[in-house]
Every structure is written in structure tokens, then in C-alpha cells.
């Protein structure tokens, strides 16, 4: 791990803002070789948020393996403990909207239908963990 809590195998991820209009895009590509207007490095917290938001929309959800590729927290245990200690998240589990265990966090078939109202609760709990673990 380096001083930022990232392993040496950490791959930098970036958010890129591109020129949208086709004529302007072509002009910039011809002039500069690209049409990237802005590059923003993603923090570990940003990447974990992105993982939760995108992976929950898949059949497998957030797997332990994928979590460990990004997170300096060793396993899903910390987020599992945080989620299962949250009243609202326990309600989501009890209502059959999400499944949370030491292997994965995933939405049920019913939960995926209302995922936009489920995700904010999970992101809130992730924020608490990141604050406790000093992950930025």
C-alpha cells in the first residue's frame, strides 16, 4: 500500500468530459488529436460509489472480488456490518429488496425495480464507512 492507501496494482480511473456537439468535436479532434475538455481523477470513494450504483443493476451485484479490487478495506465485512446496523437498510433487507452477506450485496428482482430509491441508503452507509476509515 502506498501513502494514499492504494495498492501498487491500483489502476487510476478518470471521469472524462468530452465535447458534445459533432462539429465542435470533429474540430477539436482534428486540431488537438482529442476532444476531451476535462479529466477528473476518481477517488477510491468515487469508485466504490460507482461500483454500488452500477453493479447493483446486474444479476451478481457487488461481489466480494470486485469490492476487494477497489477498496482498501479488506472485504465486504465492514460495509455488511454498517448496512445491517442501519434501520432503513435492515428494512430494505426485510422487505426483500436487497440481499447483503459476506459474498455480495445485490438487489432482488423486486428491489431492482425500485433501485433508484434503494441506492441512496447504501451510499449513505458507504459514506459513513469511508469517513470512519478515512477513505477519500
Protein backbone atom coordinates (compact mmCIF):
# COMPACT_ATOMS: atom_id res chain seq x y z
CA UNK A 1 0.00 0.00 0.00
CA UNK A 2 1.17 3.49 -0.73
CA UNK A 3 0.61 6.53 1.48
CA UNK A 4 -2.88 7.05 -0.01
CA UNK A 5 -4.00 3.57 0.99
CA UNK A 6 -3.86 2.30 -2.58
CA UNK A 7 -2.09 -0.88 -3.54
CA UNK A 8 0.68 -0.69 -6.09
CA UNK A 9 -1.59 -2.50 -8.54
CA UNK A 10 -4.17 0.28 -8.26
CA UNK A 11 -5.33 1.50 -11.66
CA UNK A 12 -6.20 5.15 -11.87
CA UNK A 13 -9.72 5.74 -13.09
CA UNK A 14 -10.83 9.02 -14.51
CA UNK A 15 -14.03 10.79 -15.38
CA UNK A 16 -13.69 12.49 -18.76
CA UNK A 17 -15.80 15.29 -20.10
CA UNK A 18 -15.94 15.33 -23.87
CA UNK A 19 -17.06 17.94 -26.37
CA UNK A 20 -20.63 17.01 -27.23
CA UNK A 21 -21.52 18.82 -30.44
CA UNK A 22 -20.41 16.83 -33.52
CA UNK A 23 -18.96 19.78 -35.44
CA UNK A 24 -17.03 21.08 -32.42
CA UNK A 25 -15.94 17.54 -31.54
CA UNK A 26 -14.52 17.00 -35.04
CA UNK A 27 -12.77 20.38 -35.00
CA UNK A 28 -11.09 19.62 -31.67
CA UNK A 29 -10.07 16.11 -32.74
CA UNK A 30 -8.50 17.46 -35.91
CA UNK A 31 -6.77 20.31 -34.08
CA UNK A 32 -5.73 18.64 -30.79
CA UNK A 33 -6.00 14.92 -31.52
CA UNK A 34 -8.84 14.53 -28.98
CA UNK A 35 -12.00 16.26 -27.80
CA UNK A 36 -11.52 15.81 -24.06
CA UNK A 37 -12.39 19.01 -22.24
CA UNK A 38 -11.70 17.91 -18.68
CA UNK A 39 -10.19 14.91 -16.88
CA UNK A 40 -11.09 14.29 -13.25
CA UNK A 41 -9.27 11.54 -11.32
CA UNK A 42 -11.71 9.37 -9.37
CA UNK A 43 -11.00 8.77 -5.69
CA UNK A 44 -11.44 5.38 -4.10
CA UNK A 45 -14.70 6.60 -2.58
CA UNK A 46 -15.90 7.73 -6.03
CA UNK A 47 -15.03 4.31 -7.45
CA UNK A 48 -16.85 2.48 -4.65
CA UNK A 49 -19.92 4.67 -5.19
CA UNK A 50 -19.74 3.95 -8.91
CA UNK A 51 -19.44 0.23 -8.16
CA UNK A 52 -22.51 0.23 -5.93
CA UNK A 53 -24.58 2.26 -8.40
CA UNK A 54 -23.67 0.16 -11.44
CA UNK A 55 -23.14 -3.35 -10.02
CA UNK A 56 -26.45 -3.40 -8.18
CA UNK A 57 -28.09 -3.19 -11.60
CA UNK A 58 -26.55 -6.53 -12.55
CA UNK A 59 -27.50 -10.09 -11.61
CA UNK A 60 -24.41 -10.62 -9.44
CA UNK A 61 -24.50 -7.28 -7.63
CA UNK A 62 -21.40 -6.10 -5.78
CA UNK A 63 -19.24 -9.19 -5.35
CA UNK A 64 -16.51 -9.62 -2.77
CA UNK A 65 -13.91 -9.99 -5.52
CA UNK A 66 -14.90 -6.75 -7.26
CA UNK A 67 -15.10 -4.88 -3.94
CA UNK A 68 -11.60 -6.00 -2.98
CA UNK A 69 -10.18 -4.82 -6.32
CA UNK A 70 -11.13 -1.25 -5.43
CA UNK A 71 -11.39 -0.94 -1.68
CA UNK A 72 -8.54 -0.66 0.80
CA UNK A 73 -11.00 -2.24 3.27
CA UNK A 74 -10.11 -5.93 3.18
CA UNK A 75 -13.54 -7.35 2.47
CA UNK A 76 -17.25 -6.68 2.38
CA UNK A 77 -17.41 -7.21 6.15
CA UNK A 78 -17.22 -3.52 7.05
CA UNK A 79 -19.97 -2.46 4.68
CA UNK A 80 -22.00 -5.53 5.64
CA UNK A 81 -21.78 -4.56 9.31
CA UNK A 82 -22.65 -0.94 8.53
CA UNK A 83 -25.61 -1.82 6.32
CA UNK A 84 -27.04 -4.38 8.71
CA UNK A 85 -26.78 -1.93 11.62
CA UNK A 86 -28.76 0.72 9.74
CA UNK A 87 -32.52 0.65 10.47
CA UNK A 88 -33.52 1.68 6.94
CA UNK A 89 -31.16 -0.85 5.34
CA UNK A 90 -32.43 -3.63 7.63
CA UNK A 91 -35.92 -2.67 6.46
CA UNK A 92 -34.79 -2.97 2.80
CA UNK A 93 -33.41 -6.45 3.58
CA UNK A 94 -36.55 -7.47 5.49
CA UNK A 95 -38.77 -6.22 2.66
CA UNK A 96 -36.86 -8.42 0.21
CA UNK A 97 -35.34 -5.57 -1.79
CA UNK A 98 -31.65 -6.30 -1.22
CA UNK A 99 -29.53 -9.26 -0.18
CA UNK A 100 -26.49 -8.49 1.92
CA UNK A 101 -23.98 -11.11 3.05
CA UNK A 102 -20.23 -11.65 3.15
CA UNK A 103 -20.18 -12.71 -0.54
CA UNK A 104 -22.16 -9.93 -2.16
CA UNK A 105 -24.61 -7.09 -1.95
CA UNK A 106 -27.30 -7.37 -4.57
CA UNK A 107 -30.77 -6.26 -5.41
CA UNK A 108 -33.56 -8.79 -5.57
CA UNK A 109 -35.76 -8.90 -8.68
CA UNK A 110 -38.27 -6.69 -6.85
CA UNK A 111 -35.53 -4.42 -5.49
CA UNK A 112 -34.04 -3.79 -8.91
CA UNK A 113 -37.35 -2.25 -9.98
CA UNK A 114 -37.01 0.48 -7.33
CA UNK A 115 -33.23 0.63 -7.15
CA UNK A 116 -33.15 4.41 -7.55
CA UNK A 117 -34.79 4.68 -4.13
CA UNK A 118 -32.61 1.96 -2.56
CA UNK A 119 -29.16 3.14 -3.66
CA UNK A 120 -29.13 6.43 -1.70
CA UNK A 121 -29.39 4.49 1.58
CA UNK A 122 -26.47 2.25 0.64
CA UNK A 123 -24.38 5.23 -0.48
CA UNK A 124 -25.09 6.94 2.82
CA UNK A 125 -23.75 3.92 4.71
CA UNK A 126 -20.73 3.77 2.39
CA UNK A 127 -20.07 7.43 3.22
CA UNK A 128 -20.06 6.62 6.94
CA UNK A 129 -17.55 3.80 6.41
CA UNK A 130 -15.33 5.96 4.21
CA UNK A 131 -15.33 8.64 6.87
CA UNK A 132 -14.51 6.15 9.63
CA UNK A 133 -11.75 4.52 7.57
CA UNK A 134 -10.51 7.88 6.25
CA UNK A 135 -11.05 6.81 2.65
CA UNK A 136 -11.34 9.65 0.21
